[in-house]
Amino acid sequence: MVLDEPGRPLRDAEIPPPAPGPGQVRLRVRACGVCRTDLHVVDGELPHLGRPLIPGHQIVGTVEARGDVVGELRVGDRVGVPWLGWTCGECRFCRSGRENLCPEARFTGYQIDGGYAELAIADARYCFPIPVGYADQQAAPLLCAGLIGYRALRMAGDGERLGLYGFGAAAHIVIQVARYQGRRVFAFTRAGDVVGQGFALDLGASWAGDASAAPPEPLDAAILFAPAGELVPAALRAVDRGGTVVCAGIHMSDIPPFPYRILWEERVVRSVANLTRRDGDEFLALAPRIPVRTEVRTYPLASANEALDDLRAGRIRGAAVLTVA
């Protein structure tokens, strides 16, 4: 399913099978998660690269062919591919364990054709073994909603009272990790979203309400999964002194001006960019121990436009996943 230019529906296309180069593998795609970042790409909120591309960066597939120098991956291995698809390995960020900030980084489903397809090419360094016990469609959301959520949770610190703004694919995974860690979670949704609030309560939230509402007690930290800049001041007002507000998306609408007094007392606003392989190794080892369970709504590959429309309209409970025959 190909994006020719932003704002247009994806096009069903037949293209020649891609060949893996050095350090690459070709995957037979079995499932691919549908992420809000895909919407940012499809809707043009991220810069269009001027060429047709195949979206999708939560890929679960099996290795079908190998290029040279691919390490331990073997034909038939089941692996997952995340958003961060390639880094240079040589810059000061890569050398200091911050490969998520590599200025030459390339991203799956954006600079690298992604998983809205039957076949995909991936850098073997950025292929993660899928934990035993997860079906393909249940594993797919772990590869971005789970990984970025896990990194955002680490950046939020270890406070007990955690707010989650936007209760979609990432939040429904993060709440399971947070509760496993002994935290209490306060969920914030769109005004009147009783379904989302009920979903959060079903997963163990201590409270659920509208994003504009004040929580029943001050928060130690808040994570914003909703790409709405106006929620940053709301979250700052909700966190206690010394609290942290983490903006977890790759794109967000502009943050409006706000008074210094809601930032004062050592409150912190920070962003999360991409992920590292360490995040992937840690989270995919932790997920089956909790165990994290993903709730998914599946669509056939040819219905990718419908899945994107449902995600855009907020009609997905949990995560949307494309299944590939």
Protein backbone atom coordinates (compact mmCIF):
# COMPACT_ATOMS: atom_id res chain seq x y z
CA MET A 1 0.00 0.00 0.00
CA VAL A 2 1.81 3.05 -1.35
CA LEU A 3 1.60 6.73 -0.38
CA ASP A 4 2.15 8.88 -3.48
CA GLU A 5 1.69 12.22 -1.74
CA PRO A 6 0.22 13.47 1.56
CA GLY A 7 -3.52 13.79 1.81
CA ARG A 8 -4.25 11.10 -0.77
CA PRO A 9 -5.43 7.56 0.05
CA LEU A 10 -2.83 4.83 -0.09
CA ARG A 11 -2.67 3.03 -3.42
CA ASP A 12 -2.74 -0.75 -3.84
CA ALA A 13 0.34 -1.53 -5.95
CA GLU A 14 2.40 -4.44 -7.22
CA ILE A 15 6.17 -3.79 -7.14
CA PRO A 16 9.15 -6.10 -7.76
CA PRO A 17 10.40 -8.04 -4.70
CA PRO A 18 13.17 -6.03 -3.02
CA ALA A 19 16.61 -7.63 -2.68
CA PRO A 20 18.51 -7.39 0.63
CA GLY A 21 21.88 -5.65 0.51
CA PRO A 22 24.83 -6.04 2.91
CA GLY A 23 23.65 -6.06 6.51
CA GLN A 24 20.01 -6.42 5.46
CA VAL A 25 17.34 -9.08 5.53
CA ARG A 26 14.15 -9.44 3.53
CA LEU A 27 11.10 -10.19 5.64
CA ARG A 28 7.89 -11.92 4.74
CA VAL A 29 5.53 -9.57 6.60
CA ARG A 30 2.94 -11.27 8.78
CA ALA A 31 1.48 -8.23 10.57
CA CYS A 32 2.13 -4.50 10.83
CA GLY A 33 0.77 -2.15 13.47
CA VAL A 34 -0.94 1.09 12.46
CA CYS A 35 0.54 3.99 14.42
CA ARG A 36 -0.30 7.66 14.87
CA THR A 37 3.09 8.40 13.32
CA ASP A 38 1.77 6.75 10.15
CA LEU A 39 -0.99 9.37 10.21
CA HIS A 40 1.59 12.14 10.57
CA VAL A 41 3.35 10.76 7.46
CA VAL A 42 0.17 10.17 5.44
CA ASP A 43 -1.41 13.51 6.40
CA GLY A 44 1.76 15.50 5.68
CA GLU A 45 2.46 16.61 9.24
CA LEU A 46 5.97 15.21 8.74
CA PRO A 47 7.83 16.58 5.69
CA HIS A 48 7.03 14.64 2.53
CA LEU A 49 10.15 13.15 0.98
CA GLY A 50 9.07 13.71 -2.60
CA ARG A 51 8.73 10.07 -3.61
CA PRO A 52 6.19 7.26 -3.25
CA LEU A 53 6.73 5.34 -0.01
CA ILE A 54 5.33 2.35 1.85
CA PRO A 55 4.32 3.28 5.42
CA GLY A 56 4.40 1.05 8.48
CA HIS A 57 6.98 0.63 11.23
CA GLN A 58 5.59 -1.97 13.61
CA ILE A 59 6.51 -4.96 11.48
CA VAL A 60 6.34 -8.59 12.50
CA GLY A 61 7.73 -10.95 9.90
CA THR A 62 9.95 -13.92 9.18
CA VAL A 63 13.36 -13.72 7.57
CA GLU A 64 13.03 -14.89 3.96
CA ALA A 65 16.41 -13.86 2.51
CA ARG A 66 19.72 -12.55 3.88
CA GLY A 67 22.32 -10.18 2.54
CA ASP A 68 25.96 -10.42 3.55
CA VAL A 69 27.08 -9.68 7.13
CA VAL A 70 23.77 -10.04 8.97
CA GLY A 71 25.03 -11.62 12.18
CA GLU A 72 22.99 -14.37 13.81
CA LEU A 73 19.70 -13.92 11.95
CA ARG A 74 18.67 -17.00 10.01
CA VAL A 75 16.04 -17.71 7.39
CA GLY A 76 12.79 -18.52 9.20
CA ASP A 77 13.50 -16.38 12.29
CA ARG A 78 10.51 -14.32 13.45
CA VAL A 79 11.51 -10.74 14.18
CA GLY A 80 10.07 -7.29 14.74
CA VAL A 81 11.17 -4.02 13.14
CA PRO A 82 10.59 -0.65 14.85
CA TRP A 83 10.51 3.02 13.75
CA LEU A 84 14.27 3.54 14.08
CA GLY A 85 15.55 1.52 11.13
CA TRP A 86 19.18 2.59 10.61
CA THR A 87 21.88 4.66 12.29
CA CYS A 88 25.43 5.51 11.26
CA GLY A 89 27.09 3.93 14.31
CA GLU A 90 29.90 6.48 14.15
CA CYS A 91 28.61 9.88 15.35
CA ARG A 92 28.98 11.09 18.94
CA PHE A 93 25.38 10.14 19.67
CA CYS A 94 25.76 6.58 18.41
CA ARG A 95 29.05 6.16 20.25
CA SER A 96 27.54 7.36 23.54
CA GLY A 97 24.49 5.08 23.59
CA ARG A 98 22.17 7.77 22.19
CA GLU A 99 21.65 6.34 18.73
CA ASN A 100 18.07 7.59 18.86
CA LEU A 101 19.54 11.07 18.24
CA CYS A 102 21.79 10.09 15.31
CA PRO A 103 21.58 12.96 12.78
CA GLU A 104 21.85 10.48 9.89
CA ALA A 105 19.15 8.13 11.24
CA ARG A 106 16.67 6.62 8.83
CA PHE A 107 13.18 5.58 9.82
CA THR A 108 11.06 2.59 8.85
CA GLY A 109 7.96 3.48 6.88
CA TYR A 110 9.42 6.90 6.09
CA GLN A 111 12.94 7.00 4.65
CA ILE A 112 12.89 3.18 4.47
CA ASP A 113 9.87 1.45 2.93
CA GLY A 114 7.86 -0.16 5.68
CA GLY A 115 5.48 -2.95 6.52
CA TYR A 116 2.26 -2.07 4.68
CA ALA A 117 3.39 -4.71 2.21
CA GLU A 118 3.94 -8.45 1.80
CA LEU A 119 7.74 -8.03 1.78
CA ALA A 120 10.02 -5.56 3.55
CA ILE A 121 13.76 -4.91 3.76
CA ALA A 122 15.25 -4.25 7.19
CA ASP A 123 18.66 -3.59 8.71
CA ALA A 124 19.54 -6.76 10.62
CA ARG A 125 20.87 -4.62 13.51
CA TYR A 126 17.37 -3.27 14.07
CA CYS A 127 15.47 -6.55 14.03
CA PHE A 128 14.31 -7.79 17.44
CA PRO A 129 13.37 -11.38 18.26
CA ILE A 130 9.65 -11.57 19.06
CA PRO A 131 8.96 -13.05 22.52
CA VAL A 132 7.51 -16.53 22.54
CA GLY A 133 3.80 -16.53 23.35
CA TYR A 134 2.80 -13.48 21.32
CA ALA A 135 0.79 -14.02 18.16
CA ASP A 136 1.90 -11.84 15.26
CA GLN A 137 -0.95 -9.35 15.55
CA GLN A 138 -0.55 -9.04 19.34
CA ALA A 139 3.21 -8.52 19.00
CA ALA A 140 3.03 -5.73 16.40
CA PRO A 141 1.97 -2.90 18.80
CA LEU A 142 4.87 -3.72 21.10
CA LEU A 143 7.27 -2.41 18.44
CA CYS A 144 6.30 1.27 18.68
CA ALA A 145 3.38 1.82 21.03
CA GLY A 146 5.22 -0.40 23.50
CA LEU A 147 8.80 0.70 22.85
CA ILE A 148 8.18 4.45 22.71
CA GLY A 149 5.83 4.16 25.66
CA TYR A 150 8.49 2.31 27.63
CA ARG A 151 11.12 4.96 26.84
CA ALA A 152 8.68 7.73 27.80
CA LEU A 153 7.95 5.93 31.08
CA ARG A 154 11.66 5.77 31.87
CA MET A 155 12.03 9.48 31.09
CA ALA A 156 9.12 10.26 33.43
CA GLY A 157 11.11 9.07 36.44
CA ASP A 158 9.98 6.71 39.15
CA GLY A 159 7.17 8.72 40.75
CA GLU A 160 4.13 6.84 42.00
CA ARG A 161 1.35 9.02 40.54
CA LEU A 162 1.46 8.94 36.73
CA GLY A 163 -0.84 10.76 34.32
CA LEU A 164 -1.40 9.48 30.76
CA TYR A 165 -2.87 11.99 28.31
CA GLY A 166 -4.46 10.18 25.39
CA PHE A 167 -5.50 6.59 26.00
CA GLY A 168 -4.75 4.74 22.79
CA ALA A 169 -2.29 2.09 21.67
CA ALA A 170 0.71 3.31 23.67
CA ALA A 171 -1.17 4.15 26.87
CA HIS A 172 -2.96 0.80 27.01
CA ILE A 173 0.48 -0.87 27.08
CA VAL A 174 2.22 1.64 29.38
CA ILE A 175 -0.48 1.37 32.03
CA GLN A 176 0.27 -2.35 32.34
CA VAL A 177 3.99 -1.67 32.82
CA ALA A 178 3.33 1.15 35.27
CA ARG A 179 0.98 -0.93 37.41
CA TYR A 180 3.49 -3.78 37.39
CA GLN A 181 5.99 -1.28 38.80
CA GLY A 182 3.59 -0.33 41.58
CA ARG A 183 2.47 3.03 40.24
CA ARG A 184 -1.01 4.53 40.23
CA VAL A 185 -2.23 5.74 36.85
CA PHE A 186 -4.57 8.64 36.07
CA ALA A 187 -5.95 8.56 32.51
CA PHE A 188 -6.97 11.65 30.52
CA THR A 189 -9.02 11.35 27.32
CA ARG A 190 -10.92 13.52 24.88
CA ALA A 191 -13.92 15.24 26.43
CA GLY A 192 -16.80 12.83 26.74
CA ASP A 193 -14.82 9.76 25.69
CA VAL A 194 -16.53 7.40 28.11
CA VAL A 195 -15.35 4.38 26.10
CA GLY A 196 -11.69 5.36 26.45
CA GLN A 197 -12.15 6.20 30.11
CA GLY A 198 -13.85 2.88 30.73
CA PHE A 199 -11.01 1.11 28.91
CA ALA A 200 -8.49 2.79 31.20
CA LEU A 201 -10.44 1.84 34.31
CA ASP A 202 -10.74 -1.74 33.06
CA LEU A 203 -6.92 -1.84 32.85
CA GLY A 204 -6.53 -0.63 36.42
CA ALA A 205 -6.43 3.18 36.25
CA SER A 206 -7.12 4.82 39.60
CA TRP A 207 -9.06 7.60 37.87
CA ALA A 208 -10.13 8.55 34.34
CA GLY A 209 -11.48 11.86 33.09
CA ASP A 210 -11.37 14.56 30.45
CA ALA A 211 -7.97 15.96 29.46
CA SER A 212 -8.98 19.44 30.58
CA ALA A 213 -9.97 18.24 34.06
CA ALA A 214 -7.78 18.38 37.14
CA PRO A 215 -6.89 14.97 38.59
CA PRO A 216 -8.09 14.21 42.12
CA GLU A 217 -4.53 14.65 43.43
CA PRO A 218 -1.27 16.11 42.08
CA LEU A 219 0.77 13.92 39.75
CA ASP A 220 4.45 13.06 40.02
CA ALA A 221 4.74 12.84 36.23
CA ALA A 222 2.63 12.96 33.10
CA ILE A 223 3.15 11.47 29.62
CA LEU A 224 1.44 13.08 26.64
CA PHE A 225 0.62 10.62 23.87
CA ALA A 226 -2.00 12.92 22.36
CA PRO A 227 -0.30 15.23 19.79
CA ALA A 228 -2.06 18.31 21.19
CA GLY A 229 0.23 21.12 22.32
CA GLU A 230 -2.51 22.71 24.41
CA LEU A 231 -2.25 19.76 26.80
CA VAL A 232 1.27 20.75 27.89
CA PRO A 233 0.07 23.62 30.12
CA ALA A 234 -2.76 21.43 31.39
CA ALA A 235 -0.28 18.71 32.35
CA LEU A 236 2.06 21.24 34.00
CA ARG A 237 -0.84 22.39 36.16
CA ALA A 238 -1.58 18.77 37.07
CA VAL A 239 1.94 17.78 38.17
CA ASP A 240 3.27 18.49 41.63
CA ARG A 241 6.40 20.57 42.24
CA GLY A 242 9.44 18.74 40.88
CA GLY A 243 7.20 16.84 38.44
CA THR A 244 8.00 15.94 34.84
CA VAL A 245 5.86 16.29 31.71
CA VAL A 246 7.01 14.02 28.87
CA CYS A 247 5.91 14.70 25.29
CA ALA A 248 6.08 11.28 23.67
CA GLY A 249 5.08 11.96 20.05
CA ILE A 250 7.23 12.73 17.02
CA HIS A 251 4.81 15.53 16.08
CA MET A 252 2.70 17.86 18.20
CA SER A 253 0.67 20.97 17.49
CA ASP A 254 2.15 24.21 18.77
CA ILE A 255 2.36 24.66 22.52
CA PRO A 256 0.52 27.85 23.50
CA PRO A 257 2.09 30.47 25.79
CA PHE A 258 1.73 29.69 29.47
CA PRO A 259 2.65 31.50 32.70
CA TYR A 260 6.04 30.80 34.21
CA ARG A 261 4.43 30.01 37.58
CA ILE A 262 3.17 26.61 36.32
CA LEU A 263 6.72 25.67 35.27
CA TRP A 264 8.37 27.06 38.40
CA GLU A 265 9.24 24.85 41.40
CA GLU A 266 11.49 22.70 39.24
CA ARG A 267 8.88 21.23 36.99
CA VAL A 268 10.33 19.82 33.77
CA VAL A 269 9.02 19.56 30.20
CA ARG A 270 10.90 17.16 27.94
CA SER A 271 10.44 15.22 24.72
CA VAL A 272 11.18 11.65 23.74
CA ALA A 273 12.80 10.98 20.37
CA ASN A 274 12.68 7.56 18.74
CA LEU A 275 14.21 4.64 20.68
CA THR A 276 17.43 2.76 21.17
CA ARG A 277 18.17 -0.92 20.76
CA ARG A 278 18.66 -1.05 24.50
CA ASP A 279 15.03 0.10 24.92
CA GLY A 280 13.96 -2.70 22.60
CA ASP A 281 15.96 -5.39 24.35
CA GLU A 282 14.76 -4.30 27.81
CA PHE A 283 11.10 -3.90 26.95
CA LEU A 284 10.73 -7.07 24.91
CA ALA A 285 12.31 -9.02 27.78
CA LEU A 286 9.99 -7.35 30.31
CA ALA A 287 6.70 -7.59 28.37
CA PRO A 288 6.20 -11.37 28.72
CA ARG A 289 7.09 -11.26 32.42
CA ILE A 290 4.31 -8.79 33.29
CA PRO A 291 2.70 -10.10 31.00
CA VAL A 292 1.68 -7.21 28.72
CA ARG A 293 -1.46 -8.04 26.76
CA THR A 294 -2.32 -5.98 23.70
CA GLU A 295 -5.89 -5.40 22.57
CA VAL A 296 -5.97 -5.16 18.79
CA ARG A 297 -8.41 -4.57 15.97
CA THR A 298 -7.21 -6.27 12.80
CA TYR A 299 -7.64 -5.25 9.17
CA PRO A 300 -6.47 -6.94 5.97
CA LEU A 301 -3.60 -5.16 4.22
CA ALA A 302 -5.90 -3.89 1.45
CA SER A 303 -7.98 -2.07 4.10
CA ALA A 304 -5.09 0.09 5.32
CA ASN A 305 -6.97 3.29 4.41
CA GLU A 306 -9.92 2.19 6.55
CA ALA A 307 -7.60 1.47 9.48
CA LEU A 308 -6.01 4.92 9.16
CA ASP A 309 -9.45 6.56 9.00
CA ASP A 310 -10.58 4.73 12.13
CA LEU A 311 -7.41 5.73 13.97
CA ARG A 312 -7.75 9.36 12.86
CA ALA A 313 -11.35 9.42 14.12
CA GLY A 314 -10.52 7.80 17.46
CA ARG A 315 -12.53 4.66 16.78
CA ILE A 316 -9.83 2.19 17.85
CA ARG A 317 -9.85 0.60 21.30
CA GLY A 318 -6.25 -0.44 21.84
CA ALA A 319 -4.23 -0.77 18.62
CA ALA A 320 -4.98 -1.26 14.92
CA VAL A 321 -2.99 -3.97 13.11
CA LEU A 322 -2.82 -4.94 9.44
CA THR A 323 -2.65 -8.67 8.82
CA VAL A 324 -0.78 -9.81 5.74
CA ALA A 325 -1.56 -13.11 4.09
